[in-house]
Amino acid sequence: MKISKIFLYDERAIPEIGFSRLIDFLKQTFDVQVEQRKNIFQSANDSIAIEIAASRIFKTRQPFEKHEPTTEEVSFEKASFLDSTKTENIVMYDGFEFHKVVTKLIPENEMTSDQFHIIFTNKFTCTYDQTDFRYHGRALIASNPSIISTTGIIEAPAKPKAYYFELISNMTQGLNLESIKKKYQGMYLEYHDAKLSQVVEGYLLQAIFYYLTGDPFCDKRECRLFNAHWQKDLLYSQLEIAKLCDKHQEILNNW
C-alpha cells in the first residue's frame, strides 16, 4: 500500500505539537505531500457534539455502554469545539466510539486508501482491555483516520512508581504536592512540555506503520515504534534513541 498524501488536523490547545516541524519530519521521512488542516471539530454541528458526549466513559471496569448525554455534557462538547483550551477536567472517551464520530467529519472523497488522515486532540481516548477487564488510556488509536491524543501521551504511560507512592502519602497527610512534582520533574512528560513535538514524531511513525503494515509496534526499546507503558521508556525511545531499529528502518527504506 502506498500513501500519496497525509492530512494533519491541528489541536489549537497544544501549540507545543509544533506542526511546521512535524510536517517537515513527515516529508523528509516518507517523501509524501503533507497538508495541515484546522481542528477536526472546526465545522462540527450539534449532532456531532451529542455523539461525542455519548462516547464518554463512566464505568472504567465494564465494556463501553453508550448513554444518553445530558444537556450540560453536550454544551461542554460544543464549547470545546470553539475553544478546546478551556478544557480543565480530564474526561475519558471510548477510543473506538470517538473514532467513529470523527471519521464522519472527513469528506468522503478524501477517504481513499492512498490518503491518510491523522487527527490530534486533547481529548483523552481510552480502550477497554479484555485481559484485565478495565479501560486504559491510549495515546494512539491507529486506523485511517488515526487519532493521537496529547492527553493520552501525558497520562497513559505511567510515571515512576515512587512518584505515585509519595504523591498518595502526601495527599493523605495533607502536604503540598508541588514538591513531589518538582522532585520528579524531567522524568516524565508534562502538559505543554517542550519535548512533546519530538515525542509526537514517534506516534506519527506508529500510526503510519500500522496503516502500511498492520503492526505499529516494536518490542525493542531502542526503536521509535516501541509501545511504551512507562514514561521513562517513552522518553528513552523517543528522545535518547530517536530512531528506528534496523528491522523497521529497512521496511521504511523499501516503502
C-alpha atoms as a PDB file:
ATOM      1  CA  MET A   1       0.000   0.000   0.000  1.00  0.00           C
ATOM      2  CA  LYS A   2       1.211   3.499  -0.834  1.00  0.00           C
ATOM      3  CA  ILE A   3       0.308   6.820   0.742  1.00  0.00           C
ATOM      4  CA  SER A   4       0.272   9.800  -1.616  1.00  0.00           C
ATOM      5  CA  LYS A   5      -0.902  12.424   0.868  1.00  0.00           C
ATOM      6  CA  ILE A   6      -1.097  12.889   4.622  1.00  0.00           C
ATOM      7  CA  PHE A   7      -3.558  15.271   6.300  1.00  0.00           C
ATOM      8  CA  LEU A   8      -2.692  16.583   9.765  1.00  0.00           C
ATOM      9  CA  TYR A   9      -5.527  18.079  11.819  1.00  0.00           C
ATOM     10  CA  ASP A  10      -4.419  20.690  14.338  1.00  0.00           C
ATOM     11  CA  GLU A  11      -5.142  20.898  18.056  1.00  0.00           C
ATOM     12  CA  ARG A  12      -5.037  24.592  18.916  1.00  0.00           C
ATOM     13  CA  ALA A  13      -4.918  23.921  22.657  1.00  0.00           C
ATOM     14  CA  ILE A  14      -1.449  22.335  22.355  1.00  0.00           C
ATOM     15  CA  PRO A  15       0.875  24.645  20.365  1.00  0.00           C
ATOM     16  CA  GLU A  16       3.847  22.598  21.596  1.00  0.00           C
ATOM     17  CA  ILE A  17       2.955  19.965  18.998  1.00  0.00           C
ATOM     18  CA  GLY A  18       4.917  22.140  16.563  1.00  0.00           C
ATOM     19  CA  PHE A  19       3.060  21.441  13.336  1.00  0.00           C
ATOM     20  CA  SER A  20       5.519  23.010  10.915  1.00  0.00           C
ATOM     21  CA  ARG A  21       8.247  20.824  12.423  1.00  0.00           C
ATOM     22  CA  LEU A  22       6.110  17.688  12.135  1.00  0.00           C
ATOM     23  CA  ILE A  23       5.232  18.447   8.528  1.00  0.00           C
ATOM     24  CA  ASP A  24       8.939  18.697   7.680  1.00  0.00           C
ATOM     25  CA  PHE A  25       9.573  15.440   9.553  1.00  0.00           C
ATOM     26  CA  LEU A  26       6.898  13.580   7.572  1.00  0.00           C
ATOM     27  CA  LYS A  27       8.039  14.961   4.228  1.00  0.00           C
ATOM     28  CA  GLN A  28      11.643  14.003   4.888  1.00  0.00           C
ATOM     29  CA  THR A  29      10.778  10.554   6.291  1.00  0.00           C
ATOM     30  CA  PHE A  30       8.128   9.414   3.815  1.00  0.00           C
ATOM     31  CA  ASP A  31       8.569  11.726   0.812  1.00  0.00           C
ATOM     32  CA  VAL A  32       4.841  12.451   0.593  1.00  0.00           C
ATOM     33  CA  GLN A  33       2.678  15.516   0.298  1.00  0.00           C
ATOM     34  CA  VAL A  34       1.505  16.776   3.695  1.00  0.00           C
ATOM     35  CA  GLU A  35      -1.346  19.174   4.282  1.00  0.00           C
ATOM     36  CA  GLN A  36      -2.084  20.889   7.591  1.00  0.00           C
ATOM     37  CA  ARG A  37      -5.722  21.424   8.428  1.00  0.00           C
ATOM     38  CA  LYS A  38      -7.586  23.172  11.190  1.00  0.00           C
ATOM     39  CA  ASN A  39      -9.051  21.341  14.157  1.00  0.00           C
ATOM     40  CA  ILE A  40     -11.278  18.447  13.048  1.00  0.00           C
ATOM     41  CA  PHE A  41     -14.185  19.900  15.048  1.00  0.00           C
ATOM     42  CA  GLN A  42     -13.997  23.262  13.275  1.00  0.00           C
ATOM     43  CA  SER A  43     -17.184  22.547  11.337  1.00  0.00           C
ATOM     44  CA  ALA A  44     -18.818  20.091  13.745  1.00  0.00           C
ATOM     45  CA  ASN A  45     -22.536  20.506  14.397  1.00  0.00           C
ATOM     46  CA  ASP A  46     -24.834  19.757  17.330  1.00  0.00           C
ATOM     47  CA  SER A  47     -25.279  16.165  16.186  1.00  0.00           C
ATOM     48  CA  ILE A  48     -21.520  15.550  16.441  1.00  0.00           C
ATOM     49  CA  ALA A  49     -21.469  17.141  19.906  1.00  0.00           C
ATOM     50  CA  ILE A  50     -24.180  14.726  21.046  1.00  0.00           C
ATOM     51  CA  GLU A  51     -22.306  11.717  19.645  1.00  0.00           C
ATOM     52  CA  ILE A  52     -19.008  12.774  21.223  1.00  0.00           C
ATOM     53  CA  ALA A  53     -20.730  13.287  24.580  1.00  0.00           C
ATOM     54  CA  ALA A  54     -22.314   9.846  24.220  1.00  0.00           C
ATOM     55  CA  SER A  55     -18.859   8.274  23.810  1.00  0.00           C
ATOM     56  CA  ARG A  56     -17.832   9.239  27.342  1.00  0.00           C
ATOM     57  CA  ILE A  57     -16.754   6.505  29.743  1.00  0.00           C
ATOM     58  CA  PHE A  58     -18.388   6.308  33.158  1.00  0.00           C
ATOM     59  CA  LYS A  59     -17.694   2.718  34.205  1.00  0.00           C
ATOM     60  CA  THR A  60     -13.974   2.044  33.804  1.00  0.00           C
ATOM     61  CA  ARG A  61     -14.256  -1.664  34.650  1.00  0.00           C
ATOM     62  CA  GLN A  62     -17.020  -2.515  32.224  1.00  0.00           C
ATOM     63  CA  PRO A  63     -17.109  -2.610  28.405  1.00  0.00           C
ATOM     64  CA  PHE A  64     -18.453   0.513  26.741  1.00  0.00           C
ATOM     65  CA  GLU A  65     -22.078   1.370  27.302  1.00  0.00           C
ATOM     66  CA  LYS A  66     -23.494   4.251  25.301  1.00  0.00           C
ATOM     67  CA  HIS A  67     -25.541   6.620  27.415  1.00  0.00           C
ATOM     68  CA  GLU A  68     -27.935   9.468  26.768  1.00  0.00           C
ATOM     69  CA  PRO A  69     -25.817  12.609  27.266  1.00  0.00           C
ATOM     70  CA  THR A  70     -27.083  15.425  29.446  1.00  0.00           C
ATOM     71  CA  THR A  71     -27.606  18.971  28.202  1.00  0.00           C
ATOM     72  CA  GLU A  72     -24.560  20.041  30.208  1.00  0.00           C
ATOM     73  CA  GLU A  73     -22.358  17.363  28.597  1.00  0.00           C
ATOM     74  CA  VAL A  74     -23.436  18.367  25.103  1.00  0.00           C
ATOM     75  CA  SER A  75     -22.888  22.049  25.894  1.00  0.00           C
ATOM     76  CA  PHE A  76     -19.398  21.181  27.144  1.00  0.00           C
ATOM     77  CA  GLU A  77     -18.552  19.476  23.854  1.00  0.00           C
ATOM     78  CA  LYS A  78     -19.958  22.321  21.759  1.00  0.00           C
ATOM     79  CA  ALA A  79     -17.901  24.822  23.753  1.00  0.00           C
ATOM     80  CA  SER A  80     -14.768  22.680  23.299  1.00  0.00           C
ATOM     81  CA  PHE A  81     -15.268  22.738  19.521  1.00  0.00           C
ATOM     82  CA  LEU A  82     -14.919  26.510  19.641  1.00  0.00           C
ATOM     83  CA  ASP A  83     -12.135  26.629  22.220  1.00  0.00           C
ATOM     84  CA  SER A  84     -10.551  23.388  23.418  1.00  0.00           C
ATOM     85  CA  THR A  85      -8.100  25.298  25.641  1.00  0.00           C
ATOM     86  CA  LYS A  86     -10.864  25.741  28.225  1.00  0.00           C
ATOM     87  CA  THR A  87     -10.989  22.012  28.991  1.00  0.00           C
ATOM     88  CA  GLU A  88      -9.875  21.738  32.616  1.00  0.00           C
ATOM     89  CA  ASN A  89     -11.069  18.349  33.864  1.00  0.00           C
ATOM     90  CA  ILE A  90      -9.938  15.153  32.148  1.00  0.00           C
ATOM     91  CA  VAL A  91     -12.865  13.316  30.544  1.00  0.00           C
ATOM     92  CA  MET A  92     -12.412   9.740  29.310  1.00  0.00           C
ATOM     93  CA  TYR A  93     -13.765   8.796  25.868  1.00  0.00           C
ATOM     94  CA  ASP A  94     -14.038   5.350  24.322  1.00  0.00           C
ATOM     95  CA  GLY A  95     -11.418   5.495  21.568  1.00  0.00           C
ATOM     96  CA  PHE A  96     -13.298   3.366  19.058  1.00  0.00           C
ATOM     97  CA  GLU A  97     -16.578   5.240  19.533  1.00  0.00           C
ATOM     98  CA  PHE A  98     -14.709   8.540  19.288  1.00  0.00           C
ATOM     99  CA  HIS A  99     -13.068   7.314  16.088  1.00  0.00           C
ATOM    100  CA  LYS A 100     -16.436   6.505  14.504  1.00  0.00           C
ATOM    101  CA  VAL A 101     -17.648  10.045  15.158  1.00  0.00           C
ATOM    102  CA  VAL A 102     -14.616  11.973  13.872  1.00  0.00           C
ATOM    103  CA  THR A 103     -14.495   9.822  10.731  1.00  0.00           C
ATOM    104  CA  LYS A 104     -17.819  11.388   9.744  1.00  0.00           C
ATOM    105  CA  LEU A 105     -16.110  14.802   9.632  1.00  0.00           C
ATOM    106  CA  ILE A 106     -13.742  13.806   6.817  1.00  0.00           C
ATOM    107  CA  PRO A 107     -15.020  14.364   3.238  1.00  0.00           C
ATOM    108  CA  GLU A 108     -15.917  11.043   1.636  1.00  0.00           C
ATOM    109  CA  ASN A 109     -13.845  11.760  -1.483  1.00  0.00           C
ATOM    110  CA  GLU A 110     -10.746  12.055   0.745  1.00  0.00           C
ATOM    111  CA  MET A 111     -11.185   8.639   2.334  1.00  0.00           C
ATOM    112  CA  THR A 112      -9.382   6.770  -0.434  1.00  0.00           C
ATOM    113  CA  SER A 113      -6.703   4.261   0.563  1.00  0.00           C
ATOM    114  CA  ASP A 114      -3.823   6.497  -0.584  1.00  0.00           C
ATOM    115  CA  GLN A 115      -4.917   9.448   1.562  1.00  0.00           C
ATOM    116  CA  PHE A 116      -4.047   9.179   5.250  1.00  0.00           C
ATOM    117  CA  HIS A 117      -5.573  11.333   7.986  1.00  0.00           C
ATOM    118  CA  ILE A 118      -4.050  11.982  11.417  1.00  0.00           C
ATOM    119  CA  ILE A 119      -6.180  13.825  13.945  1.00  0.00           C
ATOM    120  CA  PHE A 120      -4.684  15.487  17.008  1.00  0.00           C
ATOM    121  CA  THR A 121      -6.934  16.047  20.005  1.00  0.00           C
ATOM    122  CA  ASN A 122      -6.529  16.903  23.661  1.00  0.00           C
ATOM    123  CA  LYS A 123      -9.477  14.636  24.493  1.00  0.00           C
ATOM    124  CA  PHE A 124      -8.421  11.561  26.468  1.00  0.00           C
ATOM    125  CA  THR A 125      -9.025   8.449  24.357  1.00  0.00           C
ATOM    126  CA  CYS A 126      -9.164   5.059  26.093  1.00  0.00           C
ATOM    127  CA  THR A 127      -9.892   1.456  25.130  1.00  0.00           C
ATOM    128  CA  TYR A 128     -11.255  -1.450  27.132  1.00  0.00           C
ATOM    129  CA  ASP A 129      -8.807  -4.304  27.690  1.00  0.00           C
ATOM    130  CA  GLN A 130     -10.334  -7.793  27.822  1.00  0.00           C
ATOM    131  CA  THR A 131      -7.264  -9.192  29.628  1.00  0.00           C
ATOM    132  CA  ASP A 132      -7.673  -7.192  32.835  1.00  0.00           C
ATOM    133  CA  PHE A 133     -11.242  -6.026  32.264  1.00  0.00           C
ATOM    134  CA  ARG A 134     -10.733  -2.294  32.542  1.00  0.00           C
ATOM    135  CA  TYR A 135     -10.141   0.779  30.435  1.00  0.00           C
ATOM    136  CA  HIS A 136      -6.652   2.058  29.705  1.00  0.00           C
ATOM    137  CA  GLY A 137      -5.631   5.458  28.395  1.00  0.00           C
ATOM    138  CA  ARG A 138      -4.294   5.457  24.839  1.00  0.00           C
ATOM    139  CA  ALA A 139      -2.099   7.973  23.085  1.00  0.00           C
ATOM    140  CA  LEU A 140      -2.847   6.416  19.700  1.00  0.00           C
ATOM    141  CA  ILE A 141      -5.975   4.978  18.097  1.00  0.00           C
ATOM    142  CA  ALA A 142      -4.440   3.524  14.936  1.00  0.00           C
ATOM    143  CA  SER A 143      -6.577   3.369  11.800  1.00  0.00           C
ATOM    144  CA  ASN A 144      -7.445   5.768   8.982  1.00  0.00           C
ATOM    145  CA  PRO A 145      -8.047   8.299  10.354  1.00  0.00           C
ATOM    146  CA  SER A 146      -5.596   7.786  13.188  1.00  0.00           C
ATOM    147  CA  ILE A 147      -6.127   9.701  16.408  1.00  0.00           C
ATOM    148  CA  ILE A 148      -3.265  10.998  18.531  1.00  0.00           C
ATOM    149  CA  SER A 149      -4.370  12.124  21.980  1.00  0.00           C
ATOM    150  CA  THR A 150      -1.992  14.629  23.557  1.00  0.00           C
ATOM    151  CA  THR A 151      -3.622  13.936  26.918  1.00  0.00           C
ATOM    152  CA  GLY A 152      -3.038  10.230  26.287  1.00  0.00           C
ATOM    153  CA  ILE A 153       0.666  10.879  25.689  1.00  0.00           C
ATOM    154  CA  ILE A 154       0.884  12.540  29.105  1.00  0.00           C
ATOM    155  CA  GLU A 155      -1.451  10.290  31.092  1.00  0.00           C
ATOM    156  CA  ALA A 156      -1.281   6.808  29.504  1.00  0.00           C
ATOM    157  CA  PRO A 157       2.399   5.860  30.050  1.00  0.00           C
ATOM    158  CA  ALA A 158       2.886   5.603  33.805  1.00  0.00           C
ATOM    159  CA  LYS A 159       5.151   7.857  35.840  1.00  0.00           C
ATOM    160  CA  PRO A 160       7.766   6.321  38.202  1.00  0.00           C
ATOM    161  CA  LYS A 161       6.215   4.089  40.890  1.00  0.00           C
ATOM    162  CA  ALA A 162       7.903   6.112  43.623  1.00  0.00           C
ATOM    163  CA  TYR A 163       6.142   9.207  42.308  1.00  0.00           C
ATOM    164  CA  TYR A 164       2.716   7.673  42.969  1.00  0.00           C
ATOM    165  CA  PHE A 165       3.729   6.370  46.411  1.00  0.00           C
ATOM    166  CA  GLU A 166       4.967   9.785  47.526  1.00  0.00           C
ATOM    167  CA  LEU A 167       2.010  11.545  45.931  1.00  0.00           C
ATOM    168  CA  ILE A 168      -0.514   9.368  47.791  1.00  0.00           C
ATOM    169  CA  SER A 169       1.450   9.691  51.034  1.00  0.00           C
ATOM    170  CA  ASN A 170       1.494  13.478  50.821  1.00  0.00           C
ATOM    171  CA  MET A 171      -2.183  13.613  49.868  1.00  0.00           C
ATOM    172  CA  THR A 172      -3.226  11.569  52.907  1.00  0.00           C
ATOM    173  CA  GLN A 173      -1.114  13.811  55.145  1.00  0.00           C
ATOM    174  CA  GLY A 174      -2.457  16.983  53.548  1.00  0.00           C
ATOM    175  CA  LEU A 175       1.032  18.063  52.438  1.00  0.00           C
ATOM    176  CA  ASN A 176       1.987  20.180  49.425  1.00  0.00           C
ATOM    177  CA  LEU A 177       2.034  18.102  46.221  1.00  0.00           C
ATOM    178  CA  GLU A 178       4.124  20.555  44.228  1.00  0.00           C
ATOM    179  CA  SER A 179       7.304  19.426  45.968  1.00  0.00           C
ATOM    180  CA  ILE A 180       6.712  15.873  44.686  1.00  0.00           C
ATOM    181  CA  LYS A 181       6.160  17.066  41.136  1.00  0.00           C
ATOM    182  CA  LYS A 182       9.327  19.176  41.336  1.00  0.00           C
ATOM    183  CA  LYS A 183      11.334  16.233  42.675  1.00  0.00           C
ATOM    184  CA  TYR A 184      10.445  14.061  39.671  1.00  0.00           C
ATOM    185  CA  GLN A 185      10.435  16.827  37.092  1.00  0.00           C
ATOM    186  CA  GLY A 186      12.091  15.757  33.848  1.00  0.00           C
ATOM    187  CA  MET A 187      11.358  12.071  34.442  1.00  0.00           C
ATOM    188  CA  TYR A 188       8.012  12.291  32.673  1.00  0.00           C
ATOM    189  CA  LEU A 189       6.229  14.494  30.157  1.00  0.00           C
ATOM    190  CA  GLU A 190       4.104  17.325  31.452  1.00  0.00           C
ATOM    191  CA  TYR A 191       1.307  19.301  29.839  1.00  0.00           C
ATOM    192  CA  HIS A 192       2.700  21.870  27.382  1.00  0.00           C
ATOM    193  CA  ASP A 193       6.110  20.190  27.592  1.00  0.00           C
ATOM    194  CA  ALA A 194       8.677  21.488  25.093  1.00  0.00           C
ATOM    195  CA  LYS A 195       9.694  17.853  24.387  1.00  0.00           C
ATOM    196  CA  LEU A 196       6.215  16.979  23.137  1.00  0.00           C
ATOM    197  CA  SER A 197       6.862  17.647  19.443  1.00  0.00           C
ATOM    198  CA  GLN A 198       9.774  15.212  19.244  1.00  0.00           C
ATOM    199  CA  VAL A 199       7.824  12.549  21.136  1.00  0.00           C
ATOM    200  CA  VAL A 200       4.877  13.011  18.771  1.00  0.00           C
ATOM    201  CA  GLU A 201       7.154  12.059  15.861  1.00  0.00           C
ATOM    202  CA  GLY A 202       7.235   8.526  17.270  1.00  0.00           C
ATOM    203  CA  TYR A 203       3.453   8.324  17.419  1.00  0.00           C
ATOM    204  CA  LEU A 204       3.241   9.546  13.820  1.00  0.00           C
ATOM    205  CA  LEU A 205       5.563   6.709  12.833  1.00  0.00           C
ATOM    206  CA  GLN A 206       3.457   4.195  14.754  1.00  0.00           C
ATOM    207  CA  ALA A 207       0.249   5.421  13.093  1.00  0.00           C
ATOM    208  CA  ILE A 208       1.722   5.202   9.605  1.00  0.00           C
ATOM    209  CA  PHE A 209       3.436   1.839  10.171  1.00  0.00           C
ATOM    210  CA  TYR A 210       0.130   0.431  11.365  1.00  0.00           C
ATOM    211  CA  TYR A 211      -1.587   1.617   8.204  1.00  0.00           C
ATOM    212  CA  LEU A 212       1.149   0.301   5.928  1.00  0.00           C
ATOM    213  CA  THR A 213       1.996  -2.994   7.663  1.00  0.00           C
ATOM    214  CA  GLY A 214      -0.776  -3.721  10.177  1.00  0.00           C
ATOM    215  CA  ASP A 215       1.756  -3.644  13.020  1.00  0.00           C
ATOM    216  CA  PRO A 216       2.573  -0.287  14.645  1.00  0.00           C
ATOM    217  CA  PHE A 217       4.882  -1.515  17.405  1.00  0.00           C
ATOM    218  CA  CYS A 218       8.341  -2.951  18.031  1.00  0.00           C
ATOM    219  CA  ASP A 219       9.380  -4.992  21.064  1.00  0.00           C
ATOM    220  CA  LYS A 220      12.758  -3.222  21.259  1.00  0.00           C
ATOM    221  CA  ARG A 221      13.117  -0.155  23.470  1.00  0.00           C
ATOM    222  CA  GLU A 222      15.795   1.019  21.054  1.00  0.00           C
ATOM    223  CA  CYS A 223      13.156   1.779  18.411  1.00  0.00           C
ATOM    224  CA  ARG A 224      10.690   4.642  17.994  1.00  0.00           C
ATOM    225  CA  LEU A 225       7.940   2.075  17.434  1.00  0.00           C
ATOM    226  CA  PHE A 226       8.330   0.706  20.969  1.00  0.00           C
ATOM    227  CA  ASN A 227       4.958   0.668  22.734  1.00  0.00           C
ATOM    228  CA  ALA A 228       5.973   2.400  25.951  1.00  0.00           C
ATOM    229  CA  HIS A 229       3.866   1.755  29.044  1.00  0.00           C
ATOM    230  CA  TRP A 230       6.156   3.844  31.262  1.00  0.00           C
ATOM    231  CA  GLN A 231       7.192   7.446  30.792  1.00  0.00           C
ATOM    232  CA  LYS A 232      10.862   6.545  31.264  1.00  0.00           C
ATOM    233  CA  ASP A 233      10.641   4.125  28.321  1.00  0.00           C
ATOM    234  CA  LEU A 234       8.794   6.695  26.211  1.00  0.00           C
ATOM    235  CA  LEU A 235      11.476   9.323  26.803  1.00  0.00           C
ATOM    236  CA  TYR A 236      14.242   6.781  26.186  1.00  0.00           C
ATOM    237  CA  SER A 237      12.842   5.534  22.865  1.00  0.00           C
ATOM    238  CA  GLN A 238      11.774   8.916  21.505  1.00  0.00           C
ATOM    239  CA  LEU A 239      14.402  11.303  22.868  1.00  0.00           C
ATOM    240  CA  GLU A 240      17.549   9.325  23.655  1.00  0.00           C
ATOM    241  CA  ILE A 241      17.363   6.764  20.824  1.00  0.00           C
ATOM    242  CA  ALA A 242      15.178   8.838  18.464  1.00  0.00           C
ATOM    243  CA  LYS A 243      15.423   6.425  15.527  1.00  0.00           C
ATOM    244  CA  LEU A 244      14.003   3.187  14.184  1.00  0.00           C
ATOM    245  CA  CYS A 245      15.657  -0.154  14.784  1.00  0.00           C
ATOM    246  CA  ASP A 246      17.438  -1.777  11.813  1.00  0.00           C
ATOM    247  CA  LYS A 247      14.449  -4.011  11.018  1.00  0.00           C
ATOM    248  CA  HIS A 248      11.944  -1.171  10.793  1.00  0.00           C
ATOM    249  CA  GLN A 249      14.354   1.188   9.097  1.00  0.00           C
ATOM    250  CA  GLU A 250      14.750  -1.402   6.351  1.00  0.00           C
ATOM    251  CA  ILE A 251      10.948  -1.627   5.991  1.00  0.00           C
ATOM    252  CA  LEU A 252      10.845   2.146   5.681  1.00  0.00           C
ATOM    253  CA  ASN A 253      13.671   2.167   3.125  1.00  0.00           C
ATOM    254  CA  ASN A 254      11.764  -0.313   0.980  1.00  0.00           C
ATOM    255  CA  TRP A 255       8.463   1.522   1.258  1.00  0.00           C
END
